[in-house]
Amino acid sequence: MQVEREVNRKEVYEMKKETTTGREKVGNCTEKEILNGQQPHWEKVFSNTCSRFGDEPSYPAREAAAIFEKEGKKEILELGGGQGRDTCFFAIRGFSVHSLDYTESGPKEIKEKAEKAGVGKYVTALRHDVRNPLPFEAETFDACYSHMLYCMALTTDELEFLCKEIKRVLKPGGVNIYTARHTGDAHYGTGTHRGEDMYEITGGFIVHFFSKEMVEHLAKEYRSYEVEEFEEGELPRKLYMVTMRKSE
């Protein structure tokens, strides 16, 4: 019976993955066009406030920094740096950080905040869409960190590609730590369905909610992975923090 239940979970996961997000019409737009429209949406959000998520480092950034320090990781790649609250925290702790964000305003604000904090020399901020290959040579970084990037409007295929790219740019024994809102979150299943486990919720944000099967699926090319559940914000948002390790 246990084997049968495992098979059923995998079948459900594959059915979700095969949802026709790129072909379904919503008015005059395809679902894919709606997913792509998140970039200008975030650009507008960042332009309206300099600290949408506050200035204090997030819980996962503090936890990640402790792991990086314990394991001697110095060169950090941050994906989805946003407005730089975690970027500056890492730099102040002595890490060298390359922070990428797909908005135009994000990297500029990150660099300004880093300079103001006196850690500009430790921070490189670049504009980049993670659906494209990462602009770095193989085995460049000791670790990768991203807070809620994975649960943005990225399809499963795009997340698979991203995980492979991160693995490529990590050194042997490198660590990839990411967070994502999961299917136990109060917003899961609300708003407008945008394919797979993605929903457009209040404010126009599209969130890809993660199941445990999704976490396991994305970790399959890594040596090992660990999952911690935590809460953040007023709702509160319910998230996984996933730590994946590349083979030595």
C-alpha atoms as a PDB file:
ATOM      1  CA  MET A   1       0.000   0.000   0.000  1.00  0.00           C
ATOM      2  CA  GLN A   2       2.857   2.374   0.776  1.00  0.00           C
ATOM      3  CA  VAL A   3       4.306   1.860  -2.704  1.00  0.00           C
ATOM      4  CA  GLU A   4       0.914   2.560  -4.270  1.00  0.00           C
ATOM      5  CA  ARG A   5       0.611   5.868  -2.393  1.00  0.00           C
ATOM      6  CA  GLU A   6       4.118   6.894  -3.513  1.00  0.00           C
ATOM      7  CA  VAL A   7       3.197   6.215  -7.139  1.00  0.00           C
ATOM      8  CA  ASN A   8       0.009   8.241  -6.829  1.00  0.00           C
ATOM      9  CA  ARG A   9       1.890  11.255  -5.433  1.00  0.00           C
ATOM     10  CA  LYS A  10       4.321  11.129  -8.353  1.00  0.00           C
ATOM     11  CA  GLU A  11       1.443  10.890 -10.836  1.00  0.00           C
ATOM     12  CA  VAL A  12      -0.200  13.966  -9.299  1.00  0.00           C
ATOM     13  CA  TYR A  13       3.088  15.873  -9.461  1.00  0.00           C
ATOM     14  CA  GLU A  14       3.579  15.029 -13.144  1.00  0.00           C
ATOM     15  CA  MET A  15      -0.004  16.096 -13.925  1.00  0.00           C
ATOM     16  CA  LYS A  16       0.634  19.486 -12.319  1.00  0.00           C
ATOM     17  CA  LYS A  17       3.883  19.891 -14.230  1.00  0.00           C
ATOM     18  CA  GLU A  18       2.156  19.211 -17.546  1.00  0.00           C
ATOM     19  CA  THR A  19      -0.441  21.977 -17.045  1.00  0.00           C
ATOM     20  CA  THR A  20      -0.608  24.032 -20.260  1.00  0.00           C
ATOM     21  CA  THR A  21       0.486  27.359 -18.771  1.00  0.00           C
ATOM     22  CA  GLY A  22       1.899  28.625 -22.045  1.00  0.00           C
ATOM     23  CA  ARG A  23      -1.122  27.833 -24.198  1.00  0.00           C
ATOM     24  CA  GLU A  24      -4.184  28.781 -22.172  1.00  0.00           C
ATOM     25  CA  LYS A  25      -5.842  32.060 -23.118  1.00  0.00           C
ATOM     26  CA  VAL A  26      -6.912  34.630 -20.524  1.00  0.00           C
ATOM     27  CA  GLY A  27      -8.638  37.431 -22.427  1.00  0.00           C
ATOM     28  CA  ASN A  28      -6.152  38.461 -25.125  1.00  0.00           C
ATOM     29  CA  CYS A  29      -3.125  37.111 -23.217  1.00  0.00           C
ATOM     30  CA  THR A  30      -1.663  33.654 -22.753  1.00  0.00           C
ATOM     31  CA  GLU A  31      -0.806  32.453 -19.270  1.00  0.00           C
ATOM     32  CA  LYS A  32       2.881  32.663 -20.241  1.00  0.00           C
ATOM     33  CA  GLU A  33       2.517  36.349 -21.096  1.00  0.00           C
ATOM     34  CA  ILE A  34       0.887  36.934 -17.719  1.00  0.00           C
ATOM     35  CA  LEU A  35       3.774  35.184 -15.936  1.00  0.00           C
ATOM     36  CA  ASN A  36       6.278  37.299 -17.867  1.00  0.00           C
ATOM     37  CA  GLY A  37       4.382  40.431 -16.843  1.00  0.00           C
ATOM     38  CA  GLN A  38       5.614  40.115 -13.271  1.00  0.00           C
ATOM     39  CA  GLN A  39       8.870  41.965 -14.044  1.00  0.00           C
ATOM     40  CA  PRO A  40       7.287  45.405 -14.624  1.00  0.00           C
ATOM     41  CA  HIS A  41       4.979  44.721 -11.687  1.00  0.00           C
ATOM     42  CA  TRP A  42       7.953  44.303  -9.338  1.00  0.00           C
ATOM     43  CA  GLU A  43       9.663  47.302 -10.930  1.00  0.00           C
ATOM     44  CA  LYS A  44       6.670  49.430  -9.969  1.00  0.00           C
ATOM     45  CA  VAL A  45       6.571  48.000  -6.446  1.00  0.00           C
ATOM     46  CA  PHE A  46      10.246  48.774  -5.818  1.00  0.00           C
ATOM     47  CA  SER A  47       9.966  52.277  -7.261  1.00  0.00           C
ATOM     48  CA  ASN A  48       7.169  53.112  -4.793  1.00  0.00           C
ATOM     49  CA  THR A  49       9.134  52.240  -1.650  1.00  0.00           C
ATOM     50  CA  CYS A  50      12.818  51.950  -0.780  1.00  0.00           C
ATOM     51  CA  SER A  51      12.311  49.203   1.831  1.00  0.00           C
ATOM     52  CA  ARG A  52       9.221  47.167   1.018  1.00  0.00           C
ATOM     53  CA  PHE A  53      10.351  44.278   3.215  1.00  0.00           C
ATOM     54  CA  GLY A  54      12.131  46.387   5.833  1.00  0.00           C
ATOM     55  CA  ASP A  55      15.825  46.911   6.449  1.00  0.00           C
ATOM     56  CA  GLU A  56      16.490  44.108   8.910  1.00  0.00           C
ATOM     57  CA  PRO A  57      17.915  40.847   7.517  1.00  0.00           C
ATOM     58  CA  SER A  58      15.458  38.018   7.064  1.00  0.00           C
ATOM     59  CA  TYR A  59      15.433  34.919   9.248  1.00  0.00           C
ATOM     60  CA  PRO A  60      16.757  32.668   6.447  1.00  0.00           C
ATOM     61  CA  ALA A  61      19.620  35.113   5.768  1.00  0.00           C
ATOM     62  CA  ARG A  62      20.714  34.891   9.394  1.00  0.00           C
ATOM     63  CA  GLU A  63      20.488  31.112   9.316  1.00  0.00           C
ATOM     64  CA  ALA A  64      22.327  30.922   5.988  1.00  0.00           C
ATOM     65  CA  ALA A  65      25.119  33.201   7.238  1.00  0.00           C
ATOM     66  CA  ALA A  66      25.647  30.924  10.241  1.00  0.00           C
ATOM     67  CA  ILE A  67      25.970  27.901   7.930  1.00  0.00           C
ATOM     68  CA  PHE A  68      28.297  29.723   5.542  1.00  0.00           C
ATOM     69  CA  GLU A  69      30.535  30.886   8.395  1.00  0.00           C
ATOM     70  CA  LYS A  70      30.677  27.442   9.982  1.00  0.00           C
ATOM     71  CA  GLU A  71      31.643  25.830   6.669  1.00  0.00           C
ATOM     72  CA  GLY A  72      34.065  28.521   5.531  1.00  0.00           C
ATOM     73  CA  LYS A  73      32.001  29.735   2.571  1.00  0.00           C
ATOM     74  CA  LYS A  74      33.158  33.203   1.465  1.00  0.00           C
ATOM     75  CA  GLU A  75      32.029  33.818  -2.131  1.00  0.00           C
ATOM     76  CA  ILE A  76      28.236  34.052  -2.179  1.00  0.00           C
ATOM     77  CA  LEU A  77      25.804  34.290  -5.096  1.00  0.00           C
ATOM     78  CA  GLU A  78      22.464  35.836  -4.149  1.00  0.00           C
ATOM     79  CA  LEU A  79      19.526  35.479  -6.533  1.00  0.00           C
ATOM     80  CA  GLY A  80      16.564  37.839  -6.336  1.00  0.00           C
ATOM     81  CA  GLY A  81      18.385  40.380  -4.171  1.00  0.00           C
ATOM     82  CA  GLY A  82      15.411  42.740  -4.238  1.00  0.00           C
ATOM     83  CA  GLN A  83      16.276  45.928  -2.365  1.00  0.00           C
ATOM     84  CA  GLY A  84      19.319  44.540  -0.607  1.00  0.00           C
ATOM     85  CA  ARG A  85      18.411  43.922   3.019  1.00  0.00           C
ATOM     86  CA  ASP A  86      20.008  40.450   2.997  1.00  0.00           C
ATOM     87  CA  THR A  87      22.779  41.464   0.581  1.00  0.00           C
ATOM     88  CA  CYS A  88      24.080  44.158   2.917  1.00  0.00           C
ATOM     89  CA  PHE A  89      23.764  41.834   5.908  1.00  0.00           C
ATOM     90  CA  PHE A  90      25.997  39.246   4.204  1.00  0.00           C
ATOM     91  CA  ALA A  91      28.531  41.908   3.222  1.00  0.00           C
ATOM     92  CA  ILE A  92      28.650  43.331   6.749  1.00  0.00           C
ATOM     93  CA  ARG A  93      29.347  39.821   8.003  1.00  0.00           C
ATOM     94  CA  GLY A  94      32.389  39.704   5.713  1.00  0.00           C
ATOM     95  CA  PHE A  95      31.097  37.744   2.731  1.00  0.00           C
ATOM     96  CA  SER A  96      31.762  38.741  -0.869  1.00  0.00           C
ATOM     97  CA  VAL A  97      28.349  38.885  -2.554  1.00  0.00           C
ATOM     98  CA  HIS A  98      27.262  38.889  -6.175  1.00  0.00           C
ATOM     99  CA  SER A  99      23.582  39.853  -6.038  1.00  0.00           C
ATOM    100  CA  LEU A 100      21.303  39.444  -9.066  1.00  0.00           C
ATOM    101  CA  ASP A 101      17.794  40.808  -9.546  1.00  0.00           C
ATOM    102  CA  TYR A 102      15.651  41.066 -12.667  1.00  0.00           C
ATOM    103  CA  THR A 103      14.416  44.582 -11.961  1.00  0.00           C
ATOM    104  CA  GLU A 104      16.378  47.600 -13.121  1.00  0.00           C
ATOM    105  CA  SER A 105      15.957  49.522  -9.869  1.00  0.00           C
ATOM    106  CA  GLY A 106      16.921  46.635  -7.554  1.00  0.00           C
ATOM    107  CA  PRO A 107      20.663  46.370  -8.339  1.00  0.00           C
ATOM    108  CA  LYS A 108      21.032  50.160  -8.263  1.00  0.00           C
ATOM    109  CA  GLU A 109      19.441  50.359  -4.835  1.00  0.00           C
ATOM    110  CA  ILE A 110      21.488  47.424  -3.551  1.00  0.00           C
ATOM    111  CA  LYS A 111      24.731  49.097  -4.585  1.00  0.00           C
ATOM    112  CA  GLU A 112      23.669  52.421  -3.035  1.00  0.00           C
ATOM    113  CA  LYS A 113      22.778  50.748   0.263  1.00  0.00           C
ATOM    114  CA  ALA A 114      26.038  48.807   0.288  1.00  0.00           C
ATOM    115  CA  GLU A 115      28.072  51.973  -0.299  1.00  0.00           C
ATOM    116  CA  LYS A 116      26.151  53.777   2.446  1.00  0.00           C
ATOM    117  CA  ALA A 117      26.832  50.890   4.834  1.00  0.00           C
ATOM    118  CA  GLY A 118      30.537  51.015   3.995  1.00  0.00           C
ATOM    119  CA  VAL A 119      30.617  47.572   2.376  1.00  0.00           C
ATOM    120  CA  GLY A 120      30.429  48.561  -1.287  1.00  0.00           C
ATOM    121  CA  LYS A 121      33.680  46.774  -2.129  1.00  0.00           C
ATOM    122  CA  TYR A 122      32.145  43.466  -1.045  1.00  0.00           C
ATOM    123  CA  VAL A 123      29.015  43.772  -3.200  1.00  0.00           C
ATOM    124  CA  THR A 124      28.498  43.362  -6.938  1.00  0.00           C
ATOM    125  CA  ALA A 125      24.900  43.959  -8.021  1.00  0.00           C
ATOM    126  CA  LEU A 126      23.730  43.000 -11.502  1.00  0.00           C
ATOM    127  CA  ARG A 127      20.459  42.883 -13.400  1.00  0.00           C
ATOM    128  CA  HIS A 128      19.699  39.365 -14.600  1.00  0.00           C
ATOM    129  CA  ASP A 129      16.695  37.163 -15.344  1.00  0.00           C
ATOM    130  CA  VAL A 130      17.309  33.711 -13.830  1.00  0.00           C
ATOM    131  CA  ARG A 131      15.380  32.084 -16.660  1.00  0.00           C
ATOM    132  CA  ASN A 132      18.563  32.709 -18.667  1.00  0.00           C
ATOM    133  CA  PRO A 133      21.987  31.103 -18.038  1.00  0.00           C
ATOM    134  CA  LEU A 134      23.814  32.592 -15.067  1.00  0.00           C
ATOM    135  CA  PRO A 135      26.586  34.966 -16.273  1.00  0.00           C
ATOM    136  CA  PHE A 136      29.413  33.160 -14.474  1.00  0.00           C
ATOM    137  CA  GLU A 137      31.971  30.476 -15.151  1.00  0.00           C
ATOM    138  CA  ALA A 138      31.579  27.014 -13.676  1.00  0.00           C
ATOM    139  CA  GLU A 139      32.625  26.537 -10.028  1.00  0.00           C
ATOM    140  CA  THR A 140      32.787  30.259  -9.235  1.00  0.00           C
ATOM    141  CA  PHE A 141      30.933  30.414  -5.897  1.00  0.00           C
ATOM    142  CA  ASP A 142      31.073  28.694  -2.525  1.00  0.00           C
ATOM    143  CA  ALA A 143      27.348  29.079  -1.919  1.00  0.00           C
ATOM    144  CA  CYS A 144      24.095  30.391  -3.345  1.00  0.00           C
ATOM    145  CA  TYR A 145      21.253  32.033  -1.420  1.00  0.00           C
ATOM    146  CA  SER A 146      17.785  33.173  -2.453  1.00  0.00           C
ATOM    147  CA  HIS A 147      14.816  34.244  -0.345  1.00  0.00           C
ATOM    148  CA  MET A 148      11.453  33.657  -2.069  1.00  0.00           C
ATOM    149  CA  LEU A 149      12.879  33.793  -5.583  1.00  0.00           C
ATOM    150  CA  TYR A 150      11.962  30.153  -6.252  1.00  0.00           C
ATOM    151  CA  CYS A 151       8.294  30.790  -5.461  1.00  0.00           C
ATOM    152  CA  MET A 152       7.907  33.609  -7.962  1.00  0.00           C
ATOM    153  CA  ALA A 153       6.262  33.161 -11.380  1.00  0.00           C
ATOM    154  CA  LEU A 154       8.663  30.432 -12.500  1.00  0.00           C
ATOM    155  CA  THR A 155       7.401  27.226 -14.098  1.00  0.00           C
ATOM    156  CA  THR A 156       8.730  23.838 -13.045  1.00  0.00           C
ATOM    157  CA  ASP A 157      10.825  23.624 -16.221  1.00  0.00           C
ATOM    158  CA  GLU A 158      12.365  27.024 -15.428  1.00  0.00           C
ATOM    159  CA  LEU A 159      13.086  25.982 -11.837  1.00  0.00           C
ATOM    160  CA  GLU A 160      14.749  22.773 -13.050  1.00  0.00           C
ATOM    161  CA  PHE A 161      16.960  24.842 -15.347  1.00  0.00           C
ATOM    162  CA  LEU A 162      17.794  27.262 -12.534  1.00  0.00           C
ATOM    163  CA  CYS A 163      18.811  24.465 -10.166  1.00  0.00           C
ATOM    164  CA  LYS A 164      21.146  23.033 -12.798  1.00  0.00           C
ATOM    165  CA  GLU A 165      22.678  26.461 -13.423  1.00  0.00           C
ATOM    166  CA  ILE A 166      23.249  27.030  -9.712  1.00  0.00           C
ATOM    167  CA  LYS A 167      24.861  23.620  -9.409  1.00  0.00           C
ATOM    168  CA  ARG A 168      27.109  24.488 -12.365  1.00  0.00           C
ATOM    169  CA  VAL A 169      28.442  27.707 -10.809  1.00  0.00           C
ATOM    170  CA  LEU A 170      28.935  26.195  -7.346  1.00  0.00           C
ATOM    171  CA  LYS A 171      32.301  24.808  -6.349  1.00  0.00           C
ATOM    172  CA  PRO A 172      32.494  21.143  -5.277  1.00  0.00           C
ATOM    173  CA  GLY A 173      30.870  20.873  -1.851  1.00  0.00           C
ATOM    174  CA  GLY A 174      28.948  24.104  -2.484  1.00  0.00           C
ATOM    175  CA  VAL A 175      25.693  24.924  -0.700  1.00  0.00           C
ATOM    176  CA  ASN A 176      22.450  26.208  -2.232  1.00  0.00           C
ATOM    177  CA  ILE A 177      19.953  27.649   0.269  1.00  0.00           C
ATOM    178  CA  TYR A 178      16.560  28.850  -0.934  1.00  0.00           C
ATOM    179  CA  THR A 179      13.141  29.584   0.525  1.00  0.00           C
ATOM    180  CA  ALA A 180       9.689  29.175  -1.013  1.00  0.00           C
ATOM    181  CA  ARG A 181       6.137  29.514   0.204  1.00  0.00           C
ATOM    182  CA  HIS A 182       4.524  26.091   0.461  1.00  0.00           C
ATOM    183  CA  THR A 183       1.113  24.529  -0.047  1.00  0.00           C
ATOM    184  CA  GLY A 184       0.253  24.894   3.646  1.00  0.00           C
ATOM    185  CA  ASP A 185       0.228  28.687   3.225  1.00  0.00           C
ATOM    186  CA  ALA A 186      -3.108  30.483   3.713  1.00  0.00           C
ATOM    187  CA  HIS A 187      -2.915  31.969   0.198  1.00  0.00           C
ATOM    188  CA  TYR A 188      -2.486  28.596  -1.515  1.00  0.00           C
ATOM    189  CA  GLY A 189      -5.451  27.896  -3.794  1.00  0.00           C
ATOM    190  CA  THR A 190      -6.807  31.448  -3.543  1.00  0.00           C
ATOM    191  CA  GLY A 191      -6.935  34.153  -6.203  1.00  0.00           C
ATOM    192  CA  THR A 192      -6.519  33.288  -9.884  1.00  0.00           C
ATOM    193  CA  HIS A 193      -4.924  29.992 -10.889  1.00  0.00           C
ATOM    194  CA  ARG A 194      -1.987  30.526 -13.270  1.00  0.00           C
ATOM    195  CA  GLY A 195      -1.035  26.915 -13.964  1.00  0.00           C
ATOM    196  CA  GLU A 196       0.782  24.259 -11.934  1.00  0.00           C
ATOM    197  CA  ASP A 197       0.687  25.368  -8.266  1.00  0.00           C
ATOM    198  CA  MET A 198       0.817  29.079  -9.170  1.00  0.00           C
ATOM    199  CA  TYR A 199      -1.815  31.555  -8.042  1.00  0.00           C
ATOM    200  CA  GLU A 200      -2.159  35.285  -8.584  1.00  0.00           C
ATOM    201  CA  ILE A 201      -3.018  36.619  -5.149  1.00  0.00           C
ATOM    202  CA  THR A 202      -3.767  40.036  -3.633  1.00  0.00           C
ATOM    203  CA  GLY A 203      -1.731  42.846  -5.155  1.00  0.00           C
ATOM    204  CA  GLY A 204      -1.143  41.094  -8.469  1.00  0.00           C
ATOM    205  CA  PHE A 205       1.689  38.893  -7.219  1.00  0.00           C
ATOM    206  CA  ILE A 206       1.958  35.414  -8.723  1.00  0.00           C
ATOM    207  CA  VAL A 207       3.260  32.823  -6.266  1.00  0.00           C
ATOM    208  CA  HIS A 208       4.431  29.313  -7.078  1.00  0.00           C
ATOM    209  CA  PHE A 209       3.585  27.329  -3.936  1.00  0.00           C
ATOM    210  CA  PHE A 210       5.872  24.373  -3.240  1.00  0.00           C
ATOM    211  CA  SER A 211       4.844  20.888  -2.243  1.00  0.00           C
ATOM    212  CA  LYS A 212       7.255  18.483  -0.555  1.00  0.00           C
ATOM    213  CA  GLU A 213       7.337  16.575  -3.850  1.00  0.00           C
ATOM    214  CA  MET A 214       8.535  19.720  -5.633  1.00  0.00           C
ATOM    215  CA  VAL A 215      11.338  20.194  -3.105  1.00  0.00           C
ATOM    216  CA  GLU A 216      12.432  16.590  -3.535  1.00  0.00           C
ATOM    217  CA  HIS A 217      12.208  16.847  -7.325  1.00  0.00           C
ATOM    218  CA  LEU A 218      14.441  19.930  -7.551  1.00  0.00           C
ATOM    219  CA  ALA A 219      17.010  18.394  -5.205  1.00  0.00           C
ATOM    220  CA  LYS A 220      17.504  15.210  -7.216  1.00  0.00           C
ATOM    221  CA  GLU A 221      20.806  16.329  -8.800  1.00  0.00           C
ATOM    222  CA  TYR A 222      22.327  17.399  -5.490  1.00  0.00           C
ATOM    223  CA  ARG A 223      24.121  15.156  -3.026  1.00  0.00           C
ATOM    224  CA  SER A 224      21.692  15.832  -0.181  1.00  0.00           C
ATOM    225  CA  TYR A 225      19.084  18.270   1.026  1.00  0.00           C
ATOM    226  CA  GLU A 226      17.425  19.403   4.268  1.00  0.00           C
ATOM    227  CA  VAL A 227      14.103  21.194   4.776  1.00  0.00           C
ATOM    228  CA  GLU A 228      13.012  23.516   7.583  1.00  0.00           C
ATOM    229  CA  GLU A 229       9.560  25.071   7.882  1.00  0.00           C
ATOM    230  CA  PHE A 230       9.196  28.636   9.170  1.00  0.00           C
ATOM    231  CA  GLU A 231       6.775  31.559   9.137  1.00  0.00           C
ATOM    232  CA  GLU A 232       7.252  35.175   8.126  1.00  0.00           C
ATOM    233  CA  GLY A 233       5.176  38.347   7.937  1.00  0.00           C
ATOM    234  CA  GLU A 234       1.702  39.276   9.074  1.00  0.00           C
ATOM    235  CA  LEU A 235      -0.416  36.546   7.410  1.00  0.00           C
ATOM    236  CA  PRO A 236       1.862  34.776   8.314  1.00  0.00           C
ATOM    237  CA  ARG A 237       3.442  33.398   5.144  1.00  0.00           C
ATOM    238  CA  LYS A 238       4.451  29.753   5.537  1.00  0.00           C
ATOM    239  CA  LEU A 239       7.714  28.780   3.899  1.00  0.00           C
ATOM    240  CA  TYR A 240      10.248  26.040   3.411  1.00  0.00           C
ATOM    241  CA  MET A 241      13.935  26.780   3.805  1.00  0.00           C
ATOM    242  CA  VAL A 242      15.795  24.221   1.716  1.00  0.00           C
ATOM    243  CA  THR A 243      19.526  23.551   2.007  1.00  0.00           C
ATOM    244  CA  MET A 244      20.958  21.549  -0.905  1.00  0.00           C
ATOM    245  CA  ARG A 245      24.554  20.368  -1.080  1.00  0.00           C
ATOM    246  CA  LYS A 246      26.626  19.671  -4.159  1.00  0.00           C
ATOM    247  CA  SER A 247      28.932  16.640  -4.152  1.00  0.00           C
ATOM    248  CA  GLU A 248      32.589  17.202  -3.255  1.00  0.00           C
END
